[in-house]
Amino acid sequence: MLARLVEAGHDVAVLGRSAEKRAAMAQLGATAVADITDVAAGADAVVICVFTDEQVRQVCLEHGLLATMSRGSALVVHTTGSPRTVETIAVRGAPHDVDVVDAPVSGGPHNAAAGALTLFVGGAEETVARVRPVLGCYGDPILHVGPLGAGQKVKLVNNALFAAQIGLLSGSIELAARLGVPESTLLTALSHGSAASRVLDIVARGGSVASFIDTAGEFVGKDIGVARHIAAELGSDLGVLDHVIDTAIRG
């Protein structure tokens, strides 16, 4: 993402938490800084892409990011998390005239390198239009799905369905094993049948469900935890998805 922003001609400052990381970022043509407030100084837009919802809160609400952002600038949150987090950040940013957009990301490093990350974007129409040239450096498609928080809601549903599909595939592999069909054979064959899916393709590239869970299970589990928490706040659960999701997370 950083490389594509620089290649597009943007003047980019980026936070590096170690001298080694800062050196690598500088080699890409960015200005590497060691303090989070230096990222925001004079920036038209600030982009945050950390791992957890709690880290988003720490960066935006506890470490002084909002207070140092330029008036009239925009904050883009790529981390998948609670819609309430971005809503809280927007309220705190309003006195500083900072607009907030939530744009959780779907895809991996290869998608970012190709400029083909899927972005589910929530926010005011004019703010989304303003940050679209930045998002377009690494995102395609950029899907404006509604007001602030809508991007998070769509991404959480997406990931719940994704995890459920992994769980269903895992159960299918167990059935195949009982029938004497190896997992590798099944994954190759199913891709040519009516059960073919994007999830099947992703798992097949990694060789097995277990391999995929080893690689991405922490990310999927984190997002499912958020989705379940949001559903619980609404007095509900994930319904029929819950059982098959548990199968996927357990591996």
C-alpha atoms as a PDB file:
ATOM      1  CA  MET A   1       0.000   0.000   0.000  1.00  0.00           C
ATOM      2  CA  LEU A   2       2.821   2.374   0.910  1.00  0.00           C
ATOM      3  CA  ALA A   3       4.717   1.645  -2.311  1.00  0.00           C
ATOM      4  CA  ARG A   4       1.643   2.297  -4.443  1.00  0.00           C
ATOM      5  CA  LEU A   5       0.924   5.602  -2.690  1.00  0.00           C
ATOM      6  CA  VAL A   6       4.499   6.760  -3.333  1.00  0.00           C
ATOM      7  CA  GLU A   7       4.428   5.537  -6.943  1.00  0.00           C
ATOM      8  CA  ALA A   8       1.241   7.542  -7.517  1.00  0.00           C
ATOM      9  CA  GLY A   9       3.099  10.706  -6.563  1.00  0.00           C
ATOM     10  CA  HIS A  10       1.723  11.253  -3.069  1.00  0.00           C
ATOM     11  CA  ASP A  11       3.939  12.799  -0.391  1.00  0.00           C
ATOM     12  CA  VAL A  12       3.702  10.089   2.279  1.00  0.00           C
ATOM     13  CA  ALA A  13       4.822  10.121   5.908  1.00  0.00           C
ATOM     14  CA  VAL A  14       4.631   6.756   7.638  1.00  0.00           C
ATOM     15  CA  LEU A  15       5.148   5.568  11.210  1.00  0.00           C
ATOM     16  CA  GLY A  16       7.937   3.052  11.713  1.00  0.00           C
ATOM     17  CA  ARG A  17       8.312   1.485  15.149  1.00  0.00           C
ATOM     18  CA  SER A  18      11.937   0.389  14.633  1.00  0.00           C
ATOM     19  CA  ALA A  19      14.988   1.789  12.870  1.00  0.00           C
ATOM     20  CA  GLU A  20      14.928  -1.229  10.546  1.00  0.00           C
ATOM     21  CA  LYS A  21      11.311  -0.597   9.511  1.00  0.00           C
ATOM     22  CA  ARG A  22      11.935   3.108   9.033  1.00  0.00           C
ATOM     23  CA  ALA A  23      14.913   2.378   6.791  1.00  0.00           C
ATOM     24  CA  ALA A  24      12.816   0.012   4.651  1.00  0.00           C
ATOM     25  CA  MET A  25      10.049   2.607   4.344  1.00  0.00           C
ATOM     26  CA  ALA A  26      12.522   5.327   3.389  1.00  0.00           C
ATOM     27  CA  GLN A  27      13.876   3.099   0.625  1.00  0.00           C
ATOM     28  CA  LEU A  28      10.364   3.061  -0.863  1.00  0.00           C
ATOM     29  CA  GLY A  29      10.423   6.848  -1.045  1.00  0.00           C
ATOM     30  CA  ALA A  30       8.334   7.686   2.014  1.00  0.00           C
ATOM     31  CA  THR A  31       9.228   9.929   4.928  1.00  0.00           C
ATOM     32  CA  ALA A  32       9.635   7.542   7.859  1.00  0.00           C
ATOM     33  CA  VAL A  33       8.870   8.988  11.304  1.00  0.00           C
ATOM     34  CA  ALA A  34       9.085   7.593  14.821  1.00  0.00           C
ATOM     35  CA  ASP A  35       6.255   9.557  16.461  1.00  0.00           C
ATOM     36  CA  ILE A  36       2.618   9.106  15.557  1.00  0.00           C
ATOM     37  CA  THR A  37       1.893  12.824  15.679  1.00  0.00           C
ATOM     38  CA  ASP A  38       4.491  13.399  12.942  1.00  0.00           C
ATOM     39  CA  VAL A  39       2.392  11.287  10.582  1.00  0.00           C
ATOM     40  CA  ALA A  40      -0.531  13.671  10.825  1.00  0.00           C
ATOM     41  CA  ALA A  41       1.345  16.980  10.639  1.00  0.00           C
ATOM     42  CA  GLY A  42       0.169  18.822   7.512  1.00  0.00           C
ATOM     43  CA  ALA A  43      -1.488  15.754   5.978  1.00  0.00           C
ATOM     44  CA  ASP A  44      -4.651  16.044   3.887  1.00  0.00           C
ATOM     45  CA  ALA A  45      -5.509  12.445   4.782  1.00  0.00           C
ATOM     46  CA  VAL A  46      -4.309   9.997   7.423  1.00  0.00           C
ATOM     47  CA  VAL A  47      -4.667   6.267   6.801  1.00  0.00           C
ATOM     48  CA  ILE A  48      -4.592   3.748   9.654  1.00  0.00           C
ATOM     49  CA  CYS A  49      -4.249   0.009   9.110  1.00  0.00           C
ATOM     50  CA  VAL A  50      -3.426  -1.830  12.340  1.00  0.00           C
ATOM     51  CA  PHE A  51      -4.521  -5.263  13.559  1.00  0.00           C
ATOM     52  CA  THR A  52      -7.197  -4.799  16.231  1.00  0.00           C
ATOM     53  CA  ASP A  53     -10.054  -2.495  17.097  1.00  0.00           C
ATOM     54  CA  GLU A  54      -8.348  -1.702  20.397  1.00  0.00           C
ATOM     55  CA  GLN A  55      -5.211  -0.580  18.565  1.00  0.00           C
ATOM     56  CA  VAL A  56      -7.333   1.784  16.464  1.00  0.00           C
ATOM     57  CA  ARG A  57      -8.704   3.294  19.664  1.00  0.00           C
ATOM     58  CA  GLN A  58      -5.233   3.641  21.138  1.00  0.00           C
ATOM     59  CA  VAL A  59      -3.790   5.328  18.060  1.00  0.00           C
ATOM     60  CA  CYS A  60      -6.714   7.675  17.436  1.00  0.00           C
ATOM     61  CA  LEU A  61      -8.004   8.450  20.917  1.00  0.00           C
ATOM     62  CA  GLU A  62      -5.106   7.920  23.333  1.00  0.00           C
ATOM     63  CA  HIS A  63      -1.952   8.858  21.417  1.00  0.00           C
ATOM     64  CA  GLY A  64      -3.017  12.281  20.233  1.00  0.00           C
ATOM     65  CA  LEU A  65      -3.543  11.584  16.536  1.00  0.00           C
ATOM     66  CA  LEU A  66      -6.819  13.488  16.146  1.00  0.00           C
ATOM     67  CA  ALA A  67      -5.516  16.544  17.971  1.00  0.00           C
ATOM     68  CA  THR A  68      -2.564  16.870  15.594  1.00  0.00           C
ATOM     69  CA  MET A  69      -4.470  16.347  12.340  1.00  0.00           C
ATOM     70  CA  SER A  70      -4.995  19.385  10.117  1.00  0.00           C
ATOM     71  CA  ARG A  71      -8.408  21.028  10.173  1.00  0.00           C
ATOM     72  CA  GLY A  72     -10.446  19.840   7.210  1.00  0.00           C
ATOM     73  CA  SER A  73      -8.396  16.660   6.799  1.00  0.00           C
ATOM     74  CA  ALA A  74      -9.780  13.116   6.622  1.00  0.00           C
ATOM     75  CA  LEU A  75      -9.033   9.972   8.627  1.00  0.00           C
ATOM     76  CA  VAL A  76      -9.395   6.618   6.861  1.00  0.00           C
ATOM     77  CA  VAL A  77      -9.670   3.505   9.072  1.00  0.00           C
ATOM     78  CA  HIS A  78      -8.812   0.291   7.202  1.00  0.00           C
ATOM     79  CA  THR A  79      -8.792  -1.992  10.252  1.00  0.00           C
ATOM     80  CA  THR A  80     -11.808  -4.287  10.565  1.00  0.00           C
ATOM     81  CA  GLY A  81     -13.546  -3.587  13.858  1.00  0.00           C
ATOM     82  CA  SER A  82     -16.651  -2.308  15.572  1.00  0.00           C
ATOM     83  CA  PRO A  83     -18.758   0.332  13.823  1.00  0.00           C
ATOM     84  CA  ARG A  84     -19.033   2.020  17.205  1.00  0.00           C
ATOM     85  CA  THR A  85     -15.295   2.646  17.255  1.00  0.00           C
ATOM     86  CA  VAL A  86     -15.313   4.717  14.075  1.00  0.00           C
ATOM     87  CA  GLU A  87     -18.442   6.512  15.255  1.00  0.00           C
ATOM     88  CA  THR A  88     -16.693   7.420  18.528  1.00  0.00           C
ATOM     89  CA  ILE A  89     -13.626   8.601  16.654  1.00  0.00           C
ATOM     90  CA  ALA A  90     -15.811  10.742  14.374  1.00  0.00           C
ATOM     91  CA  VAL A  91     -17.446  12.425  17.382  1.00  0.00           C
ATOM     92  CA  ARG A  92     -14.024  13.117  18.906  1.00  0.00           C
ATOM     93  CA  GLY A  93     -12.720  14.382  15.577  1.00  0.00           C
ATOM     94  CA  ALA A  94     -15.587  16.775  14.894  1.00  0.00           C
ATOM     95  CA  PRO A  95     -14.235  19.628  17.080  1.00  0.00           C
ATOM     96  CA  HIS A  96     -10.979  19.408  15.092  1.00  0.00           C
ATOM     97  CA  ASP A  97     -12.908  19.477  11.785  1.00  0.00           C
ATOM     98  CA  VAL A  98     -11.622  15.983  10.956  1.00  0.00           C
ATOM     99  CA  ASP A  99     -13.869  13.775   8.802  1.00  0.00           C
ATOM    100  CA  VAL A 100     -13.772  10.002   9.269  1.00  0.00           C
ATOM    101  CA  VAL A 101     -14.225   7.199   6.749  1.00  0.00           C
ATOM    102  CA  ASP A 102     -14.247   3.497   7.563  1.00  0.00           C
ATOM    103  CA  ALA A 103     -12.851   1.367   4.742  1.00  0.00           C
ATOM    104  CA  PRO A 104     -12.068  -2.173   5.921  1.00  0.00           C
ATOM    105  CA  VAL A 105      -9.931  -4.121   3.476  1.00  0.00           C
ATOM    106  CA  SER A 106     -10.565  -7.479   1.830  1.00  0.00           C
ATOM    107  CA  GLY A 107      -7.562  -9.108   0.184  1.00  0.00           C
ATOM    108  CA  GLY A 108      -3.908  -9.802   0.841  1.00  0.00           C
ATOM    109  CA  PRO A 109      -0.471  -8.388   0.023  1.00  0.00           C
ATOM    110  CA  HIS A 110      -0.654  -9.601  -3.591  1.00  0.00           C
ATOM    111  CA  ASN A 111      -3.929  -7.692  -4.038  1.00  0.00           C
ATOM    112  CA  ALA A 112      -2.371  -4.545  -2.570  1.00  0.00           C
ATOM    113  CA  ALA A 113       0.638  -4.843  -4.890  1.00  0.00           C
ATOM    114  CA  ALA A 114      -1.720  -5.117  -7.871  1.00  0.00           C
ATOM    115  CA  GLY A 115      -3.880  -2.203  -6.707  1.00  0.00           C
ATOM    116  CA  ALA A 116      -6.792  -4.610  -6.350  1.00  0.00           C
ATOM    117  CA  LEU A 117      -7.792  -4.625  -2.687  1.00  0.00           C
ATOM    118  CA  THR A 118     -11.543  -4.595  -2.139  1.00  0.00           C
ATOM    119  CA  LEU A 119     -12.589  -1.709   0.096  1.00  0.00           C
ATOM    120  CA  PHE A 120     -15.987  -1.589   1.820  1.00  0.00           C
ATOM    121  CA  VAL A 121     -16.361   2.118   2.522  1.00  0.00           C
ATOM    122  CA  GLY A 122     -18.655   3.911   4.932  1.00  0.00           C
ATOM    123  CA  GLY A 123     -18.885   7.680   5.253  1.00  0.00           C
ATOM    124  CA  ALA A 124     -20.367  10.893   3.915  1.00  0.00           C
ATOM    125  CA  GLU A 125     -20.495  11.087   0.137  1.00  0.00           C
ATOM    126  CA  GLU A 126     -18.288  14.171  -0.068  1.00  0.00           C
ATOM    127  CA  THR A 127     -15.651  12.723   2.271  1.00  0.00           C
ATOM    128  CA  VAL A 128     -15.507   9.438   0.379  1.00  0.00           C
ATOM    129  CA  ALA A 129     -15.130  11.370  -2.882  1.00  0.00           C
ATOM    130  CA  ARG A 130     -12.293  13.384  -1.348  1.00  0.00           C
ATOM    131  CA  VAL A 131     -10.274  10.326  -0.260  1.00  0.00           C
ATOM    132  CA  ARG A 132     -11.094   8.193  -3.310  1.00  0.00           C
ATOM    133  CA  PRO A 133      -7.884   9.235  -5.175  1.00  0.00           C
ATOM    134  CA  VAL A 134      -5.868   7.941  -2.203  1.00  0.00           C
ATOM    135  CA  LEU A 135      -7.855   4.728  -1.859  1.00  0.00           C
ATOM    136  CA  GLY A 136      -7.651   4.163  -5.603  1.00  0.00           C
ATOM    137  CA  CYS A 137      -3.880   3.741  -5.388  1.00  0.00           C
ATOM    138  CA  TYR A 138      -4.336   0.273  -3.891  1.00  0.00           C
ATOM    139  CA  GLY A 139      -8.100  -0.374  -3.902  1.00  0.00           C
ATOM    140  CA  ASP A 140     -10.291  -1.647  -6.738  1.00  0.00           C
ATOM    141  CA  PRO A 141     -13.181  -1.979  -6.332  1.00  0.00           C
ATOM    142  CA  ILE A 142     -13.935   0.845  -3.904  1.00  0.00           C
ATOM    143  CA  LEU A 143     -17.481   0.105  -2.753  1.00  0.00           C
ATOM    144  CA  HIS A 144     -19.288   2.946  -0.975  1.00  0.00           C
ATOM    145  CA  VAL A 145     -21.830   0.919   0.996  1.00  0.00           C
ATOM    146  CA  GLY A 146     -23.439   3.596   3.171  1.00  0.00           C
ATOM    147  CA  PRO A 147     -22.865   6.095   5.980  1.00  0.00           C
ATOM    148  CA  LEU A 148     -20.066   5.936   8.547  1.00  0.00           C
ATOM    149  CA  GLY A 149     -19.843   2.442  10.051  1.00  0.00           C
ATOM    150  CA  ALA A 150     -21.494   0.716   7.098  1.00  0.00           C
ATOM    151  CA  GLY A 151     -18.145  -0.444   5.754  1.00  0.00           C
ATOM    152  CA  GLN A 152     -17.428  -2.241   9.028  1.00  0.00           C
ATOM    153  CA  LYS A 153     -20.862  -3.842   9.075  1.00  0.00           C
ATOM    154  CA  VAL A 154     -20.529  -5.184   5.536  1.00  0.00           C
ATOM    155  CA  LYS A 155     -17.002  -6.460   6.211  1.00  0.00           C
ATOM    156  CA  LEU A 156     -18.082  -8.238   9.410  1.00  0.00           C
ATOM    157  CA  VAL A 157     -20.925  -9.982   7.551  1.00  0.00           C
ATOM    158  CA  ASN A 158     -18.494 -10.837   4.746  1.00  0.00           C
ATOM    159  CA  ASN A 159     -16.039 -12.393   7.180  1.00  0.00           C
ATOM    160  CA  ALA A 160     -18.741 -14.296   9.057  1.00  0.00           C
ATOM    161  CA  LEU A 161     -19.913 -15.825   5.787  1.00  0.00           C
ATOM    162  CA  PHE A 162     -16.304 -16.476   4.743  1.00  0.00           C
ATOM    163  CA  ALA A 163     -15.583 -18.316   8.014  1.00  0.00           C
ATOM    164  CA  ALA A 164     -18.792 -20.307   7.664  1.00  0.00           C
ATOM    165  CA  GLN A 165     -17.784 -21.381   4.160  1.00  0.00           C
ATOM    166  CA  ILE A 166     -14.410 -22.521   5.518  1.00  0.00           C
ATOM    167  CA  GLY A 167     -16.292 -24.534   8.138  1.00  0.00           C
ATOM    168  CA  LEU A 168     -18.497 -26.139   5.495  1.00  0.00           C
ATOM    169  CA  LEU A 169     -15.463 -26.998   3.391  1.00  0.00           C
ATOM    170  CA  SER A 170     -13.767 -28.514   6.432  1.00  0.00           C
ATOM    171  CA  GLY A 171     -16.823 -30.693   7.063  1.00  0.00           C
ATOM    172  CA  SER A 172     -16.871 -31.743   3.416  1.00  0.00           C
ATOM    173  CA  ILE A 173     -13.236 -32.801   3.615  1.00  0.00           C
ATOM    174  CA  GLU A 174     -14.020 -34.921   6.682  1.00  0.00           C
ATOM    175  CA  LEU A 175     -16.834 -36.585   4.737  1.00  0.00           C
ATOM    176  CA  ALA A 176     -14.506 -37.225   1.802  1.00  0.00           C
ATOM    177  CA  ALA A 177     -11.925 -38.787   4.132  1.00  0.00           C
ATOM    178  CA  ARG A 178     -14.539 -41.210   5.461  1.00  0.00           C
ATOM    179  CA  LEU A 179     -15.289 -42.107   1.845  1.00  0.00           C
ATOM    180  CA  GLY A 180     -11.607 -42.663   1.118  1.00  0.00           C
ATOM    181  CA  VAL A 181     -11.018 -39.508  -0.960  1.00  0.00           C
ATOM    182  CA  PRO A 182      -7.833 -37.542  -0.082  1.00  0.00           C
ATOM    183  CA  GLU A 183      -8.168 -33.818   0.642  1.00  0.00           C
ATOM    184  CA  SER A 184      -5.859 -32.812  -2.207  1.00  0.00           C
ATOM    185  CA  THR A 185      -7.918 -34.815  -4.696  1.00  0.00           C
ATOM    186  CA  LEU A 186     -11.151 -33.364  -3.410  1.00  0.00           C
ATOM    187  CA  LEU A 187      -9.928 -29.748  -3.544  1.00  0.00           C
ATOM    188  CA  THR A 188      -8.774 -30.167  -7.140  1.00  0.00           C
ATOM    189  CA  ALA A 189     -11.950 -31.907  -8.280  1.00  0.00           C
ATOM    190  CA  LEU A 190     -14.448 -29.592  -6.576  1.00  0.00           C
ATOM    191  CA  SER A 191     -13.017 -26.551  -8.324  1.00  0.00           C
ATOM    192  CA  HIS A 192     -14.481 -27.957 -11.563  1.00  0.00           C
ATOM    193  CA  GLY A 193     -17.909 -28.740 -10.146  1.00  0.00           C
ATOM    194  CA  SER A 194     -20.980 -26.843  -8.980  1.00  0.00           C
ATOM    195  CA  ALA A 195     -19.439 -26.546  -5.489  1.00  0.00           C
ATOM    196  CA  ALA A 196     -16.647 -24.323  -6.849  1.00  0.00           C
ATOM    197  CA  SER A 197     -16.189 -21.058  -4.949  1.00  0.00           C
ATOM    198  CA  ARG A 198     -13.689 -18.336  -4.201  1.00  0.00           C
ATOM    199  CA  VAL A 199     -13.133 -19.854  -0.752  1.00  0.00           C
ATOM    200  CA  LEU A 200     -12.367 -23.222  -2.319  1.00  0.00           C
ATOM    201  CA  ASP A 201      -9.829 -21.582  -4.643  1.00  0.00           C
ATOM    202  CA  ILE A 202      -8.076 -19.834  -1.748  1.00  0.00           C
ATOM    203  CA  VAL A 203      -7.852 -23.031   0.301  1.00  0.00           C
ATOM    204  CA  ALA A 204      -6.734 -25.099  -2.706  1.00  0.00           C
ATOM    205  CA  ARG A 205      -3.867 -22.677  -3.389  1.00  0.00           C
ATOM    206  CA  GLY A 206      -2.632 -23.239   0.164  1.00  0.00           C
ATOM    207  CA  GLY A 207      -2.962 -27.015  -0.142  1.00  0.00           C
ATOM    208  CA  SER A 208      -5.346 -27.716   2.740  1.00  0.00           C
ATOM    209  CA  VAL A 209      -7.843 -26.222   5.174  1.00  0.00           C
ATOM    210  CA  ALA A 210      -5.347 -26.696   7.995  1.00  0.00           C
ATOM    211  CA  SER A 211      -2.709 -24.734   6.086  1.00  0.00           C
ATOM    212  CA  PHE A 212      -5.134 -21.882   5.492  1.00  0.00           C
ATOM    213  CA  ILE A 213      -6.156 -21.761   9.157  1.00  0.00           C
ATOM    214  CA  ASP A 214      -2.496 -21.708  10.213  1.00  0.00           C
ATOM    215  CA  THR A 215      -1.947 -18.704   7.951  1.00  0.00           C
ATOM    216  CA  ALA A 216      -5.131 -16.703   8.398  1.00  0.00           C
ATOM    217  CA  GLY A 217      -6.968 -18.201  11.358  1.00  0.00           C
ATOM    218  CA  GLU A 218      -5.912 -15.453  13.771  1.00  0.00           C
ATOM    219  CA  PHE A 219      -7.268 -12.752  11.477  1.00  0.00           C
ATOM    220  CA  VAL A 220     -10.538 -14.574  10.828  1.00  0.00           C
ATOM    221  CA  GLY A 221     -11.003 -15.418  14.509  1.00  0.00           C
ATOM    222  CA  LYS A 222     -10.410 -11.797  15.531  1.00  0.00           C
ATOM    223  CA  ASP A 223     -13.078 -10.497  13.155  1.00  0.00           C
ATOM    224  CA  ILE A 224     -15.569 -13.195  14.127  1.00  0.00           C
ATOM    225  CA  GLY A 225     -15.113 -12.152  17.757  1.00  0.00           C
ATOM    226  CA  VAL A 226     -16.083  -8.591  16.823  1.00  0.00           C
ATOM    227  CA  ALA A 227     -19.091  -9.774  14.796  1.00  0.00           C
ATOM    228  CA  ARG A 228     -20.329 -11.897  17.700  1.00  0.00           C
ATOM    229  CA  HIS A 229     -19.888  -9.020  20.126  1.00  0.00           C
ATOM    230  CA  ILE A 230     -21.893  -6.660  17.911  1.00  0.00           C
ATOM    231  CA  ALA A 231     -24.638  -9.275  17.476  1.00  0.00           C
ATOM    232  CA  ALA A 232     -24.761  -9.823  21.252  1.00  0.00           C
ATOM    233  CA  GLU A 233     -25.188  -6.085  21.812  1.00  0.00           C
ATOM    234  CA  LEU A 234     -28.258  -6.312  19.585  1.00  0.00           C
ATOM    235  CA  GLY A 235     -29.576  -9.232  21.656  1.00  0.00           C
ATOM    236  CA  SER A 236     -28.848 -11.750  18.936  1.00  0.00           C
ATOM    237  CA  ASP A 237     -26.182 -14.115  17.622  1.00  0.00           C
ATOM    238  CA  LEU A 238     -24.883 -15.179  14.213  1.00  0.00           C
ATOM    239  CA  GLY A 239     -27.709 -17.654  13.769  1.00  0.00           C
ATOM    240  CA  VAL A 240     -27.127 -20.570  11.429  1.00  0.00           C
ATOM    241  CA  LEU A 241     -23.573 -19.345  10.740  1.00  0.00           C
ATOM    242  CA  ASP A 242     -22.417 -19.946  14.315  1.00  0.00           C
ATOM    243  CA  HIS A 243     -22.007 -23.740  14.259  1.00  0.00           C
ATOM    244  CA  VAL A 244     -20.110 -23.927  10.988  1.00  0.00           C
ATOM    245  CA  ILE A 245     -17.935 -20.949  12.009  1.00  0.00           C
ATOM    246  CA  ASP A 246     -16.895 -22.854  15.144  1.00  0.00           C
ATOM    247  CA  THR A 247     -15.823 -25.714  12.888  1.00  0.00           C
ATOM    248  CA  ALA A 248     -13.659 -23.360  10.847  1.00  0.00           C
ATOM    249  CA  ILE A 249     -12.018 -21.665  13.836  1.00  0.00           C
ATOM    250  CA  ARG A 250     -11.265 -24.991  15.523  1.00  0.00           C
ATOM    251  CA  GLY A 251      -9.738 -26.218  12.262  1.00  0.00           C
END
